[in-house]
Amino acid sequence: MARIIAAGVAVIDFVMQLDEMPSRAEKYRARDAAVVGGGCAATAMVAAARLGGQAALAARLGEDAVGDMILRGLEAEGVDCALVRRFAGKRSSFSTVIVSAAGERQIVNFRDMELSFDAGWLREAELAPFDAALGDTRWPQGAAALLRLARERGVPGVLDAEAPVMEAADALAAASHVAFSAQGLRDFTGLPDLRGGLGAAAARLDAWVCVTDGGNGVYWMDAGEIRHTPAFAVETVDTLGAGDVWHGAFALGLGEGMGEDRAIRFASAAAAIKCSRFGGRDGAPRRAEVDDFLRARAA
């Protein structure tokens, strides 16, 4: 069983499903609702755990009720939270999320910017062996510390490169794999075209690079050539957390020894199944579901 560790953000999402996105300053009634854990790294580790990995999370939380909810949710999923650090007098992160009938989402997030970003304690921790690491740009210092350690140990270190990307310059330099969102790639390169941006990013980074583009699939560099893995077609209900599920599954695939092309397909299947379900990361699939999904779509 591969052991995966992530450094990044953990939040609580208050999710409301509406027929369409609000456009006026008035009251709306939700068709459905959920209170679920969220955050890039946290959701990725829940996904990795459900897919059969041993998942651990390094994160920062306040000493508050929201932090209690976040930890209970992660521990219930089997995520090792020994490296989650809590700070007295500070507030944990939470979001209000609106999901439309088409499955698109709008997020309003609160982060306590007085919560310490320092990652010295993570650099000094004696981490048990792991097979792959994942960092997100919401805690760039933690991502850099973890991805440097992955480099030193010779295991894959993946950066979930969301905008603003250059706040995580040290993590970019340490990562062996950089998986940009479309917005993150445009932010990093200043180029609107994803293919052109991917080539520019590959030239600047000492890492394997790809860009995830939702329903358009994944573009990635292979020996100087751009390759494309299409997204799986599903009826989209809720895209919240799909990218995070993708990153967790991709890191797990690499940790299990999959090549990048196979790990992309594995991660894309997990994300597609999640998109077909309402409730943010609660829709992340189990390993048997992904295996059955892929077998049904084998070439």
Protein backbone atom coordinates (compact mmCIF):
# COMPACT_ATOMS: atom_id res chain seq x y z
CA MET A 1 0.00 0.00 0.00
CA ALA A 2 1.51 3.32 -1.08
CA ARG A 3 1.92 6.04 1.56
CA ILE A 4 1.11 9.55 0.35
CA ILE A 5 1.63 12.77 2.31
CA ALA A 6 0.33 16.23 1.45
CA ALA A 7 1.04 19.72 2.78
CA GLY A 8 -1.58 22.37 2.23
CA VAL A 9 -4.97 23.69 3.16
CA ALA A 10 -7.92 22.08 4.94
CA VAL A 11 -11.31 23.78 5.19
CA ILE A 12 -15.02 23.21 5.78
CA ASP A 13 -17.35 23.82 2.81
CA PHE A 14 -20.96 24.91 3.27
CA VAL A 15 -22.43 23.84 -0.07
CA MET A 16 -25.74 25.04 -1.53
CA GLN A 17 -27.20 23.71 -4.77
CA LEU A 18 -29.30 26.21 -6.78
CA ASP A 19 -30.93 26.10 -10.20
CA GLU A 20 -28.58 28.86 -11.35
CA MET A 21 -25.92 31.16 -9.93
CA PRO A 22 -27.30 34.12 -7.91
CA SER A 23 -27.34 37.41 -9.78
CA ARG A 24 -29.34 39.68 -7.45
CA ALA A 25 -29.08 40.81 -3.83
CA GLU A 26 -32.04 38.81 -2.51
CA LYS A 27 -32.86 35.54 -0.74
CA TYR A 28 -32.61 32.18 -2.50
CA ARG A 29 -33.73 28.69 -1.48
CA ALA A 30 -31.33 25.79 -2.05
CA ARG A 31 -32.47 22.61 -3.82
CA ASP A 32 -29.95 20.63 -1.76
CA ALA A 33 -27.17 21.36 0.72
CA ALA A 34 -24.20 19.76 2.43
CA VAL A 35 -21.59 20.58 5.05
CA VAL A 36 -18.40 18.79 4.00
CA GLY A 37 -14.68 18.99 4.46
CA GLY A 38 -12.74 20.67 1.68
CA GLY A 39 -9.42 22.25 0.78
CA CYS A 40 -6.95 21.21 -1.89
CA ALA A 41 -4.55 19.04 0.10
CA ALA A 42 -7.17 17.73 2.54
CA THR A 43 -9.56 16.61 -0.19
CA ALA A 44 -6.68 15.06 -2.13
CA MET A 45 -5.74 12.96 0.89
CA VAL A 46 -9.33 11.84 1.46
CA ALA A 47 -9.37 10.76 -2.19
CA ALA A 48 -6.05 8.91 -1.79
CA ALA A 49 -7.33 7.12 1.31
CA ARG A 50 -10.56 6.05 -0.40
CA LEU A 51 -8.52 4.78 -3.33
CA GLY A 52 -6.51 2.47 -1.10
CA GLY A 53 -3.52 4.58 -0.11
CA GLN A 54 -2.15 5.41 3.31
CA ALA A 55 -2.75 9.16 3.44
CA ALA A 56 -1.25 11.76 5.77
CA LEU A 57 -1.80 15.53 5.92
CA ALA A 58 0.34 18.41 7.17
CA ALA A 59 -1.81 21.52 7.61
CA ARG A 60 -2.54 24.54 9.83
CA LEU A 61 -5.79 25.04 11.73
CA GLY A 62 -7.10 27.37 14.37
CA GLU A 63 -8.16 26.21 17.83
CA ASP A 64 -11.85 26.60 17.04
CA ALA A 65 -15.06 24.71 16.31
CA VAL A 66 -14.42 24.74 12.55
CA GLY A 67 -11.01 23.17 13.12
CA ASP A 68 -12.63 20.47 15.25
CA MET A 69 -15.04 19.70 12.39
CA ILE A 70 -12.20 19.54 9.87
CA LEU A 71 -10.17 17.10 11.97
CA ARG A 72 -13.12 14.84 12.74
CA GLY A 73 -13.95 14.58 9.05
CA LEU A 74 -10.39 13.75 8.03
CA GLU A 75 -9.85 11.19 10.77
CA ALA A 76 -13.16 9.52 9.92
CA GLU A 77 -11.77 8.99 6.40
CA GLY A 78 -8.60 7.37 7.74
CA VAL A 79 -6.29 10.33 7.03
CA ASP A 80 -3.33 10.54 9.43
CA CYS A 81 -3.51 14.03 10.98
CA ALA A 82 -0.49 13.84 13.28
CA LEU A 83 1.14 16.65 11.27
CA VAL A 84 -1.84 19.00 11.50
CA ARG A 85 -0.82 21.94 13.68
CA ARG A 86 -3.34 24.09 15.56
CA PHE A 87 -2.91 27.68 16.71
CA ALA A 88 -4.63 29.20 19.73
CA GLY A 89 -6.65 32.35 19.09
CA LYS A 90 -6.71 31.81 15.32
CA ARG A 91 -9.53 30.77 12.99
CA SER A 92 -9.71 27.81 10.65
CA SER A 93 -10.67 28.27 7.01
CA PHE A 94 -14.19 27.79 5.65
CA SER A 95 -16.07 28.45 2.41
CA THR A 96 -19.56 29.09 1.14
CA VAL A 97 -20.00 27.22 -2.14
CA ILE A 98 -22.83 27.68 -4.65
CA VAL A 99 -23.33 24.81 -7.11
CA SER A 100 -25.56 25.37 -10.16
CA ALA A 101 -27.83 22.81 -11.81
CA ALA A 102 -25.14 22.48 -14.50
CA GLY A 103 -22.60 21.41 -11.87
CA GLU A 104 -20.48 24.56 -11.96
CA ARG A 105 -19.46 26.12 -8.67
CA GLN A 106 -18.78 29.53 -7.14
CA ILE A 107 -16.66 29.69 -3.99
CA VAL A 108 -16.29 32.42 -1.35
CA ASN A 109 -13.49 31.44 1.04
CA PHE A 110 -12.34 32.87 4.35
CA ARG A 111 -8.74 32.41 5.48
CA ASP A 112 -7.26 33.83 8.69
CA MET A 113 -4.15 35.51 7.31
CA GLU A 114 -2.75 35.76 10.85
CA LEU A 115 -2.47 31.96 10.97
CA SER A 116 1.27 31.29 10.83
CA PHE A 117 2.57 30.26 7.40
CA ASP A 118 5.89 29.12 8.89
CA ALA A 119 6.89 25.58 7.93
CA GLY A 120 10.00 25.26 10.08
CA TRP A 121 8.30 22.66 12.26
CA LEU A 122 7.53 20.57 9.17
CA ARG A 123 11.13 20.77 7.94
CA GLU A 124 12.31 19.59 11.36
CA ALA A 125 9.80 16.74 11.70
CA GLU A 126 11.11 13.20 11.34
CA LEU A 127 8.75 12.01 8.64
CA ALA A 128 8.23 8.30 8.13
CA PRO A 129 9.02 6.93 4.66
CA PHE A 130 6.50 7.86 1.97
CA ASP A 131 6.05 6.96 -1.68
CA ALA A 132 4.86 10.32 -3.06
CA ALA A 133 4.22 13.84 -1.81
CA LEU A 134 1.74 16.54 -2.80
CA GLY A 135 1.79 20.26 -2.04
CA ASP A 136 -0.65 23.05 -2.82
CA THR A 137 -0.08 26.75 -3.37
CA ARG A 138 -2.41 27.72 -0.50
CA TRP A 139 0.45 26.93 1.93
CA PRO A 140 3.52 27.51 -0.24
CA GLN A 141 6.02 27.24 2.61
CA GLY A 142 4.71 23.83 3.63
CA ALA A 143 4.63 22.65 0.02
CA ALA A 144 8.24 23.72 -0.49
CA ALA A 145 9.43 21.97 2.66
CA LEU A 146 7.68 18.70 1.79
CA LEU A 147 8.63 18.69 -1.89
CA ARG A 148 12.28 19.34 -1.07
CA LEU A 149 12.22 16.31 1.19
CA ALA A 150 10.62 14.25 -1.60
CA ARG A 151 13.48 15.30 -3.93
CA GLU A 152 16.04 14.29 -1.32
CA ARG A 153 14.39 10.90 -0.90
CA GLY A 154 14.01 10.33 -4.63
CA VAL A 155 10.21 9.96 -4.63
CA PRO A 156 7.65 11.86 -6.74
CA GLY A 157 6.74 15.30 -5.43
CA VAL A 158 3.66 16.85 -7.07
CA LEU A 159 2.71 20.53 -6.87
CA ASP A 160 -0.97 21.43 -7.36
CA ALA A 161 -0.22 24.71 -9.15
CA GLU A 162 -3.21 26.99 -8.63
CA ALA A 163 -3.02 30.76 -9.05
CA PRO A 164 -1.26 32.77 -7.74
CA VAL A 165 1.52 30.37 -8.69
CA MET A 166 4.61 32.50 -8.09
CA GLU A 167 3.82 32.74 -4.39
CA ALA A 168 5.02 29.13 -4.42
CA ALA A 169 8.27 29.70 -6.34
CA ASP A 170 10.30 27.55 -3.92
CA ALA A 171 7.81 24.71 -4.22
CA LEU A 172 7.91 24.99 -8.03
CA ALA A 173 11.69 24.60 -7.91
CA ALA A 174 11.46 21.55 -5.63
CA ALA A 175 8.66 19.64 -7.38
CA SER A 176 9.36 16.69 -9.67
CA HIS A 177 5.85 17.04 -11.15
CA VAL A 178 3.87 20.27 -11.59
CA ALA A 179 0.17 19.92 -12.36
CA PHE A 180 -1.25 23.31 -13.32
CA SER A 181 -4.89 24.27 -13.46
CA ALA A 182 -5.75 26.24 -16.60
CA GLN A 183 -5.91 29.43 -14.53
CA GLY A 184 -2.66 28.55 -12.79
CA LEU A 185 -0.81 27.99 -16.07
CA ARG A 186 -2.03 31.30 -17.50
CA ASP A 187 -1.01 33.05 -14.29
CA PHE A 188 2.47 31.47 -14.41
CA THR A 189 3.23 32.09 -18.09
CA GLY A 190 1.04 35.05 -19.02
CA LEU A 191 -0.02 33.14 -22.14
CA PRO A 192 -3.72 32.56 -22.92
CA ASP A 193 -3.14 29.43 -25.02
CA LEU A 194 -2.69 26.33 -22.86
CA ARG A 195 -0.54 24.47 -25.36
CA GLY A 196 1.83 27.40 -25.72
CA GLY A 197 1.80 27.96 -21.99
CA LEU A 198 2.62 24.32 -21.30
CA GLY A 199 5.67 24.47 -23.54
CA ALA A 200 6.80 27.70 -21.88
CA ALA A 201 6.34 26.21 -18.41
CA ALA A 202 8.31 23.09 -19.35
CA ALA A 203 11.19 25.25 -20.55
CA ARG A 204 11.28 27.16 -17.24
CA LEU A 205 10.92 24.27 -14.80
CA ASP A 206 13.05 21.27 -13.87
CA ALA A 207 9.95 19.09 -13.67
CA TRP A 208 7.42 17.07 -15.63
CA VAL A 209 4.46 19.36 -16.34
CA CYS A 210 0.79 19.06 -17.22
CA VAL A 211 -2.32 21.23 -17.19
CA THR A 212 -5.79 20.03 -16.20
CA ASP A 213 -8.60 21.74 -18.10
CA GLY A 214 -11.82 20.31 -16.69
CA GLY A 215 -14.02 18.74 -19.34
CA ASN A 216 -11.32 19.32 -21.95
CA GLY A 217 -9.02 16.80 -20.31
CA VAL A 218 -5.31 16.94 -19.50
CA TYR A 219 -2.43 18.22 -21.64
CA TRP A 220 1.05 17.04 -20.69
CA MET A 221 4.62 17.11 -21.91
CA ASP A 222 6.31 13.91 -23.05
CA ALA A 223 9.88 14.14 -24.38
CA GLY A 224 9.26 17.66 -25.67
CA GLU A 225 5.92 16.83 -27.27
CA ILE A 226 2.48 17.83 -26.03
CA ARG A 227 0.14 14.91 -25.45
CA HIS A 228 -3.55 14.98 -24.59
CA THR A 229 -5.68 12.70 -22.43
CA PRO A 230 -9.40 13.46 -22.95
CA ALA A 231 -11.73 13.74 -19.99
CA PHE A 232 -14.23 10.94 -19.44
CA ALA A 233 -17.78 11.87 -20.41
CA VAL A 234 -20.19 11.80 -17.44
CA GLU A 235 -23.36 13.62 -16.47
CA THR A 236 -21.95 16.49 -14.42
CA VAL A 237 -23.72 17.18 -11.14
CA ASP A 238 -21.07 18.92 -9.02
CA THR A 239 -17.48 19.83 -9.93
CA LEU A 240 -16.55 20.96 -6.41
CA GLY A 241 -13.41 19.08 -5.33
CA ALA A 242 -12.90 17.33 -8.66
CA GLY A 243 -9.49 18.88 -9.23
CA ASP A 244 -8.38 17.99 -5.72
CA VAL A 245 -9.55 14.40 -6.18
CA TRP A 246 -7.57 14.35 -9.44
CA HIS A 247 -4.38 15.48 -7.69
CA GLY A 248 -4.76 12.98 -4.86
CA ALA A 249 -5.35 10.12 -7.30
CA PHE A 250 -2.46 11.24 -9.53
CA ALA A 251 -0.03 11.39 -6.60
CA LEU A 252 -1.23 7.97 -5.43
CA GLY A 253 -0.77 6.53 -8.92
CA LEU A 254 2.80 7.80 -9.06
CA GLY A 255 3.44 6.46 -5.57
CA GLU A 256 2.22 3.05 -6.70
CA GLY A 257 4.70 3.10 -9.57
CA MET A 258 2.37 4.02 -12.43
CA GLY A 259 3.83 5.97 -15.33
CA GLU A 260 2.49 9.47 -15.84
CA ASP A 261 0.15 8.47 -18.67
CA ARG A 262 -1.48 5.71 -16.64
CA ALA A 263 -1.65 7.92 -13.52
CA ILE A 264 -3.42 10.63 -15.55
CA ARG A 265 -6.03 8.17 -16.77
CA PHE A 266 -6.51 6.80 -13.23
CA ALA A 267 -6.87 10.31 -11.79
CA SER A 268 -9.21 11.41 -14.58
CA ALA A 269 -11.50 8.48 -13.87
CA ALA A 270 -11.63 9.31 -10.17
CA ALA A 271 -12.39 12.97 -10.92
CA ALA A 272 -15.09 12.07 -13.46
CA ILE A 273 -16.90 9.85 -10.97
CA LYS A 274 -16.72 12.63 -8.38
CA CYS A 275 -18.26 15.12 -10.87
CA SER A 276 -21.28 12.84 -11.25
CA ARG A 277 -22.12 13.22 -7.54
CA PHE A 278 -23.28 16.15 -5.40
CA GLY A 279 -21.55 17.08 -2.16
CA GLY A 280 -17.96 18.11 -2.81
CA ARG A 281 -15.42 15.58 -1.62
CA ASP A 282 -18.17 13.32 -0.26
CA GLY A 283 -18.47 12.21 -3.89
CA ALA A 284 -14.87 10.95 -4.09
CA PRO A 285 -14.92 7.31 -5.26
CA ARG A 286 -13.53 4.09 -3.79
CA ARG A 287 -10.86 2.08 -5.60
CA ALA A 288 -13.22 -0.63 -6.81
CA GLU A 289 -15.45 2.02 -8.43
CA VAL A 290 -12.52 3.51 -10.34
CA ASP A 291 -11.26 0.08 -11.42
CA ASP A 292 -14.75 -0.87 -12.67
CA PHE A 293 -15.11 2.49 -14.41
CA LEU A 294 -11.81 2.03 -16.26
CA ARG A 295 -12.51 -1.57 -17.20
CA ALA A 296 -15.83 -0.53 -18.72
CA ARG A 297 -13.99 2.05 -20.84
CA ALA A 298 -10.94 0.01 -21.78
CA ALA A 299 -9.82 0.49 -25.36
